[in-house]
Amino acid sequence: MGKLSGIKVIDLSLFLPGPMLTMMMADHGADVMKVEPPAGDPARQMEPMQAGQSVWFRNLNRGKKSLALDLKSDAGRQRLWNLLAEADVMIEGFRPGVMKRLGFDYEAVAAKNPRIVYCSISAFGQEGEMAHHPAHDLAVQALSGFLSVNDGPDGMPVVPGVPSADMAAGLNGLSAVLMALIGREQTGKGDYVDIAMFDSMLPWCAHIAGDAISGGAPPVSQSQRSLGGAAFYNVYRTLDGKHIVLGARELKFAKVLLTALDRLGLLPLAELEAGGPQQPLADFLREIFSGRTRAEWVQWFADKDVAFSPVLNFREALDQTFLREKGLLVEADGVHQIAPAFQFASESDWQASDSPALDESQ
């Protein structure tokens, strides 16, 4: 029995944000019906495959049921109405206006099931001048300002390794749905929430874009403590062409490291403004770290209280022993899955489950 046992979810979303939202609900006991187009969620075909299924698809859709429906047909629409009559939650990620054209907008669904919690996920929201602008994660990051500081020393923005807009939308959507379910316990009525990827990203700029929020200039990475301008919050290349990071700016860590390097005289530089004033300290560290391999630095730092980490690729990251200790990566029936990021103390350990075959619930 999970925290969400008994909650019925109809999931019409594809790709990343919606499926992650509903999988997190399924991981904690919700009964999730994934309603797919006749050809299936395109993520089913995304390489690589393991045991006949996409690793991507399995790790975003495990524990759900699948039903393939043509929502342009009378039979398909009627089947969806039958599902929605008993549903607690509906998630959809179509372009704005699509659900209304199909006859399944919130007003229509709530008229038949006023207890439903209905969540739409899109790039810029259901209304306004940007509502119909096509965009995936990269374009949303570009328009939100975040891509401008995802840059190198030359100022050139690069494609981010993390789909932050997708992540923020999925997690905001989950939070909103759970809040609405709690609210329903008090009022007896469901609600509608319009989750925009753009809106979900924006609050997370407060720590770097204070001047811009206040009407001033935008942040420039090389002069920002959190974006590459601080010597003790930065990436350094090692002798073997790999990388390490110093990942905390507190002066106590700088003192420990500079004492160990016999250069405590440089400590005042760590207190200066980010950017140019700290450049001599960053140059010293760059030279020092280039003199040993990554593995040698890992060993050297082992007994020192410094916020240090090697930069690992995903193979190295997933092979770390503490992932197995925490049960974060599991192998079951010949396939690998990333476990839920949290579990409750009162519940039994999470067990891996498979993702559904297309239309297996027909």
Protein backbone atom coordinates (compact mmCIF):
# COMPACT_ATOMS: atom_id res chain seq x y z
CA MET A 1 0.00 0.00 0.00
CA GLY A 2 1.54 3.28 -1.12
CA LYS A 3 0.58 6.78 -0.07
CA LEU A 4 -1.45 7.17 -3.29
CA SER A 5 -3.19 3.80 -3.28
CA GLY A 6 -6.73 4.18 -4.59
CA ILE A 7 -5.96 7.30 -6.64
CA LYS A 8 -6.83 6.77 -10.31
CA VAL A 9 -4.82 8.74 -12.85
CA ILE A 10 -5.45 9.14 -16.58
CA ASP A 11 -2.20 10.11 -18.29
CA LEU A 12 -2.38 11.48 -21.83
CA SER A 13 1.15 12.91 -21.79
CA LEU A 14 4.20 11.89 -23.83
CA PHE A 15 7.99 12.24 -23.65
CA LEU A 16 9.34 13.67 -20.34
CA PRO A 17 7.48 16.02 -17.94
CA GLY A 18 4.05 14.37 -17.78
CA PRO A 19 5.27 10.76 -17.81
CA MET A 20 7.74 11.51 -15.00
CA LEU A 21 4.98 13.13 -12.97
CA THR A 22 2.65 10.16 -13.34
CA MET A 23 5.40 7.59 -12.83
CA MET A 24 6.24 9.19 -9.49
CA MET A 25 2.58 8.77 -8.59
CA ALA A 26 2.60 5.15 -9.79
CA ASP A 27 5.76 4.47 -7.76
CA HIS A 28 3.78 5.42 -4.67
CA GLY A 29 0.68 3.40 -5.34
CA ALA A 30 -1.47 5.35 -7.79
CA ASP A 31 -3.34 3.42 -10.48
CA VAL A 32 -2.09 5.09 -13.67
CA MET A 33 -3.67 4.43 -17.07
CA LYS A 34 -1.41 5.69 -19.85
CA VAL A 35 -3.65 6.59 -22.79
CA GLU A 36 -1.51 6.52 -25.93
CA PRO A 37 -2.15 7.27 -29.59
CA PRO A 38 -2.53 4.14 -31.74
CA ALA A 39 1.16 4.31 -32.68
CA GLY A 40 2.18 4.62 -29.04
CA ASP A 41 4.29 7.13 -27.13
CA PRO A 42 7.25 8.00 -29.43
CA ALA A 43 9.56 7.37 -26.47
CA ARG A 44 8.85 3.64 -26.94
CA GLN A 45 11.11 3.73 -29.99
CA MET A 46 13.96 5.74 -28.46
CA GLU A 47 17.30 3.93 -28.33
CA PRO A 48 18.91 2.24 -26.54
CA MET A 49 16.81 -0.85 -25.95
CA GLN A 50 17.15 -3.44 -23.21
CA ALA A 51 15.11 -6.64 -23.07
CA GLY A 52 13.01 -5.39 -25.97
CA GLN A 53 12.03 -2.04 -24.46
CA SER A 54 13.40 1.47 -24.59
CA VAL A 55 15.40 2.25 -21.44
CA TRP A 56 14.00 5.78 -21.60
CA PHE A 57 10.40 4.56 -21.85
CA ARG A 58 10.76 1.99 -19.08
CA ASN A 59 12.28 4.50 -16.66
CA LEU A 60 9.42 6.96 -17.15
CA ASN A 61 6.47 4.61 -17.50
CA ARG A 62 6.98 1.67 -15.17
CA GLY A 63 4.06 0.55 -13.09
CA LYS A 64 1.44 2.00 -15.43
CA LYS A 65 -1.19 0.38 -17.63
CA SER A 66 -1.48 1.20 -21.33
CA LEU A 67 -4.49 1.81 -23.54
CA ALA A 68 -4.22 2.91 -27.18
CA LEU A 69 -7.07 5.18 -28.23
CA ASP A 70 -7.83 7.19 -31.33
CA LEU A 71 -9.37 10.28 -29.77
CA LYS A 72 -10.57 11.47 -33.17
CA SER A 73 -12.94 8.50 -33.32
CA ASP A 74 -16.27 8.23 -31.53
CA ALA A 75 -15.28 4.90 -29.99
CA GLY A 76 -11.99 6.27 -28.70
CA ARG A 77 -13.60 9.33 -27.17
CA GLN A 78 -16.31 7.27 -25.49
CA ARG A 79 -13.74 4.94 -23.99
CA LEU A 80 -11.86 7.92 -22.56
CA TRP A 81 -15.09 9.34 -21.11
CA ASN A 82 -15.69 6.01 -19.39
CA LEU A 83 -12.23 6.19 -17.81
CA LEU A 84 -12.60 9.82 -16.75
CA ALA A 85 -15.91 9.12 -15.00
CA GLU A 86 -14.03 7.28 -12.25
CA ALA A 87 -10.71 9.15 -12.38
CA ASP A 88 -9.19 11.33 -9.67
CA VAL A 89 -6.50 12.95 -11.83
CA MET A 90 -6.04 13.73 -15.51
CA ILE A 91 -2.68 14.81 -16.98
CA GLU A 92 -2.31 16.06 -20.54
CA GLY A 93 0.60 17.57 -22.46
CA PHE A 94 -0.88 18.48 -25.85
CA ARG A 95 -0.43 21.83 -27.56
CA PRO A 96 -2.86 24.40 -26.10
CA GLY A 97 -6.31 24.12 -27.65
CA VAL A 98 -6.06 20.48 -28.68
CA MET A 99 -8.03 19.10 -25.73
CA LYS A 100 -10.81 21.65 -26.26
CA ARG A 101 -11.07 20.67 -29.95
CA LEU A 102 -11.32 17.02 -28.91
CA GLY A 103 -14.00 17.89 -26.36
CA PHE A 104 -11.92 17.06 -23.27
CA ASP A 105 -11.04 20.49 -21.89
CA TYR A 106 -11.34 20.99 -18.13
CA GLU A 107 -14.80 22.54 -18.27
CA ALA A 108 -16.19 19.58 -20.22
CA VAL A 109 -14.51 16.97 -18.02
CA ALA A 110 -15.36 18.70 -14.73
CA ALA A 111 -19.01 18.98 -15.80
CA LYS A 112 -19.17 15.18 -15.74
CA ASN A 113 -16.69 14.58 -12.92
CA PRO A 114 -16.41 17.64 -10.65
CA ARG A 115 -13.95 15.83 -8.35
CA ILE A 116 -11.28 15.51 -11.01
CA VAL A 117 -7.90 17.23 -10.66
CA TYR A 118 -6.90 18.22 -14.19
CA CYS A 119 -3.33 19.25 -15.03
CA SER A 120 -2.15 20.60 -18.39
CA ILE A 121 1.57 20.83 -19.15
CA SER A 122 2.88 22.98 -21.99
CA ALA A 123 5.82 25.20 -22.84
CA PHE A 124 4.25 28.59 -22.13
CA GLY A 125 0.78 27.91 -20.74
CA GLN A 126 -2.68 27.66 -22.21
CA GLU A 127 -3.29 31.36 -22.82
CA GLY A 128 -1.39 34.47 -23.89
CA GLU A 129 0.75 35.52 -26.83
CA MET A 130 3.24 32.66 -26.40
CA ALA A 131 0.71 29.87 -25.84
CA HIS A 132 0.96 28.49 -29.37
CA HIS A 133 4.70 28.97 -29.83
CA PRO A 134 6.26 25.51 -30.35
CA ALA A 135 9.08 24.73 -27.95
CA HIS A 136 10.85 21.92 -26.17
CA ASP A 137 13.22 22.25 -23.23
CA LEU A 138 16.09 23.99 -25.04
CA ALA A 139 13.92 26.76 -26.46
CA VAL A 140 12.27 27.36 -23.09
CA GLN A 141 15.67 27.62 -21.41
CA ALA A 142 16.73 30.09 -24.10
CA LEU A 143 13.70 32.34 -23.62
CA SER A 144 13.83 32.16 -19.81
CA GLY A 145 17.37 33.52 -19.62
CA PHE A 146 18.94 30.37 -18.25
CA LEU A 147 20.70 29.35 -21.44
CA SER A 148 22.57 32.67 -21.48
CA VAL A 149 24.46 31.61 -18.36
CA ASN A 150 24.95 28.01 -19.50
CA ASP A 151 28.11 29.18 -21.21
CA GLY A 152 31.85 28.71 -21.26
CA PRO A 153 34.64 31.24 -20.67
CA ASP A 154 34.11 32.54 -24.22
CA GLY A 155 30.49 33.43 -23.42
CA MET A 156 29.07 31.00 -25.97
CA PRO A 157 25.94 29.24 -24.63
CA VAL A 158 25.99 25.47 -25.08
CA VAL A 159 23.22 22.88 -25.13
CA PRO A 160 22.53 22.01 -21.46
CA GLY A 161 23.04 18.49 -20.22
CA VAL A 162 20.03 18.74 -17.91
CA PRO A 163 16.44 19.25 -19.20
CA SER A 164 15.72 21.77 -16.47
CA ALA A 165 12.47 23.12 -17.92
CA ASP A 166 11.08 19.61 -18.31
CA MET A 167 12.15 18.74 -14.77
CA ALA A 168 10.72 21.89 -13.23
CA ALA A 169 7.40 21.42 -15.03
CA GLY A 170 7.07 17.78 -14.01
CA LEU A 171 7.86 18.48 -10.37
CA ASN A 172 5.68 21.61 -10.23
CA GLY A 173 2.89 19.61 -11.82
CA LEU A 174 3.23 16.85 -9.27
CA SER A 175 3.20 19.35 -6.39
CA ALA A 176 0.13 21.10 -7.77
CA VAL A 177 -1.77 17.85 -8.31
CA LEU A 178 -1.04 16.66 -4.78
CA MET A 179 -2.07 20.03 -3.33
CA ALA A 180 -5.32 19.88 -5.29
CA LEU A 181 -6.01 16.37 -4.00
CA ILE A 182 -5.50 17.61 -0.44
CA GLY A 183 -7.78 20.57 -1.14
CA ARG A 184 -10.42 18.23 -2.54
CA GLU A 185 -10.60 16.48 0.81
CA GLN A 186 -11.85 19.76 2.28
CA THR A 187 -14.12 20.99 -0.52
CA GLY A 188 -15.18 17.84 -2.35
CA LYS A 189 -14.28 19.49 -5.65
CA GLY A 190 -11.30 19.03 -7.92
CA ASP A 191 -9.48 21.81 -9.74
CA TYR A 192 -7.51 22.79 -12.82
CA VAL A 193 -3.83 23.73 -12.98
CA ASP A 194 -2.03 25.17 -16.00
CA ILE A 195 1.64 24.19 -15.72
CA ALA A 196 4.02 26.04 -18.05
CA MET A 197 7.64 24.95 -18.44
CA PHE A 198 8.67 28.61 -18.70
CA ASP A 199 6.83 29.63 -15.54
CA SER A 200 8.26 26.62 -13.71
CA MET A 201 11.85 27.61 -14.55
CA LEU A 202 11.68 31.30 -13.76
CA PRO A 203 11.62 31.25 -9.92
CA TRP A 204 14.92 29.35 -9.88
CA CYS A 205 16.88 32.37 -11.14
CA ALA A 206 16.55 34.32 -7.88
CA HIS A 207 20.06 33.46 -6.67
CA ILE A 208 21.80 34.55 -9.88
CA ALA A 209 19.60 37.21 -11.47
CA GLY A 210 18.85 39.50 -8.53
CA ASP A 211 19.92 42.63 -10.38
CA ALA A 212 17.82 41.73 -13.43
CA ILE A 213 14.80 40.90 -11.26
CA SER A 214 15.19 44.34 -9.70
CA GLY A 215 15.20 46.03 -13.09
CA GLY A 216 18.96 46.12 -13.61
CA ALA A 217 21.59 44.34 -15.66
CA PRO A 218 21.61 40.61 -16.45
CA PRO A 219 24.14 38.31 -14.79
CA VAL A 220 27.41 37.57 -16.58
CA SER A 221 28.72 34.10 -15.75
CA GLN A 222 32.37 34.98 -15.30
CA SER A 223 31.53 37.55 -12.61
CA GLN A 224 29.01 35.41 -10.73
CA ARG A 225 30.00 33.30 -7.75
CA SER A 226 27.64 30.48 -8.74
CA LEU A 227 28.38 30.54 -12.46
CA GLY A 228 32.16 30.33 -12.80
CA GLY A 229 33.53 33.53 -11.32
CA ALA A 230 34.58 32.09 -7.95
CA ALA A 231 37.83 30.17 -7.64
CA PHE A 232 36.36 27.77 -5.08
CA TYR A 233 33.19 27.11 -7.06
CA ASN A 234 34.72 26.05 -10.34
CA VAL A 235 35.87 23.29 -12.67
CA TYR A 236 39.55 22.45 -13.19
CA ARG A 237 41.33 20.25 -15.71
CA THR A 238 43.73 17.57 -14.45
CA LEU A 239 46.94 16.18 -15.94
CA ASP A 240 45.13 13.35 -17.74
CA GLY A 241 42.62 15.66 -19.44
CA LYS A 242 39.84 14.88 -16.97
CA HIS A 243 38.26 17.32 -14.55
CA ILE A 244 37.59 18.00 -10.89
CA VAL A 245 35.48 20.60 -9.11
CA LEU A 246 35.68 22.68 -5.99
CA GLY A 247 32.04 22.93 -5.04
CA ALA A 248 31.58 25.24 -2.04
CA ARG A 249 32.58 28.85 -1.43
CA GLU A 250 32.68 28.88 2.39
CA LEU A 251 35.98 30.32 3.58
CA LYS A 252 36.65 27.38 5.89
CA PHE A 253 37.08 25.06 2.90
CA ALA A 254 39.42 27.48 1.17
CA LYS A 255 41.49 27.71 4.33
CA VAL A 256 41.84 23.92 4.58
CA LEU A 257 42.89 23.56 0.95
CA LEU A 258 45.29 26.48 0.82
CA THR A 259 46.89 25.37 4.10
CA ALA A 260 47.42 21.88 2.64
CA LEU A 261 48.95 23.46 -0.47
CA ASP A 262 51.17 25.71 1.69
CA ARG A 263 49.67 28.85 0.15
CA LEU A 264 47.57 30.25 2.98
CA GLY A 265 48.69 33.71 1.93
CA LEU A 266 46.22 33.49 -0.96
CA LEU A 267 43.23 33.12 1.37
CA PRO A 268 42.22 36.83 1.24
CA LEU A 269 41.64 36.45 -2.51
CA ALA A 270 38.85 33.95 -1.82
CA GLU A 271 36.90 36.70 -0.03
CA LEU A 272 37.03 39.15 -2.93
CA GLU A 273 34.32 39.76 -5.51
CA ALA A 274 33.86 37.02 -8.08
CA GLY A 275 35.45 37.47 -11.47
CA GLY A 276 38.62 39.49 -12.01
CA PRO A 277 39.57 40.00 -8.37
CA GLN A 278 39.66 36.22 -7.83
CA GLN A 279 41.46 35.48 -11.08
CA PRO A 280 44.96 35.13 -9.53
CA LEU A 281 43.62 32.51 -7.12
CA ALA A 282 41.81 30.67 -9.92
CA ASP A 283 44.98 30.75 -12.04
CA PHE A 284 47.01 29.27 -9.17
CA LEU A 285 44.51 26.47 -8.65
CA ARG A 286 44.33 25.82 -12.39
CA GLU A 287 48.09 25.36 -12.51
CA ILE A 288 48.20 23.21 -9.38
CA PHE A 289 45.40 20.87 -10.49
CA SER A 290 46.90 20.41 -13.94
CA GLY A 291 49.95 18.79 -12.34
CA ARG A 292 48.29 15.52 -11.23
CA THR A 293 45.76 13.08 -12.64
CA ARG A 294 42.15 13.03 -11.52
CA ALA A 295 42.71 9.78 -9.66
CA GLU A 296 45.71 11.24 -7.83
CA TRP A 297 43.64 14.23 -6.73
CA VAL A 298 40.85 11.98 -5.50
CA GLN A 299 43.37 10.19 -3.32
CA TRP A 300 44.98 13.46 -2.17
CA PHE A 301 41.67 14.99 -1.12
CA ALA A 302 40.45 11.85 0.68
CA ASP A 303 41.48 13.02 4.16
CA LYS A 304 40.76 16.73 3.70
CA ASP A 305 37.51 18.47 4.64
CA VAL A 306 37.04 20.27 1.33
CA ALA A 307 33.99 20.31 -0.95
CA PHE A 308 35.77 18.52 -3.78
CA SER A 309 34.51 16.07 -6.38
CA PRO A 310 35.83 14.43 -9.51
CA VAL A 311 33.76 15.08 -12.63
CA LEU A 312 32.40 11.67 -13.61
CA ASN A 313 30.74 10.52 -16.78
CA PHE A 314 27.47 8.61 -16.43
CA ARG A 315 29.17 5.22 -16.62
CA GLU A 316 31.45 6.17 -13.72
CA ALA A 317 28.62 7.85 -11.82
CA LEU A 318 26.30 4.85 -12.07
CA ASP A 319 29.08 2.44 -11.09
CA GLN A 320 29.71 4.13 -7.74
CA THR A 321 29.23 1.69 -4.88
CA PHE A 322 27.03 4.02 -2.82
CA LEU A 323 24.34 3.90 -5.53
CA ARG A 324 24.03 0.17 -4.90
CA GLU A 325 24.11 0.73 -1.14
CA LYS A 326 21.21 3.18 -1.41
CA GLY A 327 19.38 1.03 -3.94
CA LEU A 328 19.25 3.84 -6.48
CA LEU A 329 20.02 1.66 -9.49
CA VAL A 330 18.43 -1.77 -9.53
CA GLU A 331 18.58 -4.72 -11.89
CA ALA A 332 15.55 -6.96 -12.12
CA ASP A 333 14.66 -9.54 -14.75
CA GLY A 334 17.64 -8.50 -16.85
CA VAL A 335 16.79 -4.80 -17.04
CA HIS A 336 18.01 -1.75 -15.17
CA GLN A 337 15.89 0.93 -13.53
CA ILE A 338 16.58 4.06 -11.53
CA ALA A 339 14.69 3.79 -8.25
CA PRO A 340 12.43 6.54 -6.85
CA ALA A 341 14.38 9.43 -5.37
CA PHE A 342 12.52 9.08 -2.08
CA GLN A 343 10.81 6.36 -0.12
CA PHE A 344 8.78 6.47 3.08
CA ALA A 345 10.04 4.93 6.32
CA SER A 346 6.67 3.36 7.05
CA GLU A 347 6.53 1.46 3.77
CA SER A 348 8.31 -1.65 2.53
CA ASP A 349 11.24 -1.28 0.17
CA TRP A 350 10.39 -0.29 -3.39
CA GLN A 351 10.35 -3.10 -5.92
CA ALA A 352 11.07 -2.60 -9.61
CA SER A 353 8.13 -3.05 -11.97
CA ASP A 354 7.90 -3.25 -15.73
CA SER A 355 6.43 -0.71 -18.11
CA PRO A 356 3.34 -1.72 -20.08
CA ALA A 357 3.21 -3.07 -23.59
CA LEU A 358 1.24 -0.82 -25.90
CA ASP A 359 -2.51 -1.26 -25.43
CA GLU A 360 -2.12 -4.18 -23.03
CA SER A 361 -5.18 -2.95 -21.08
CA GLN A 362 -7.50 -3.19 -24.11
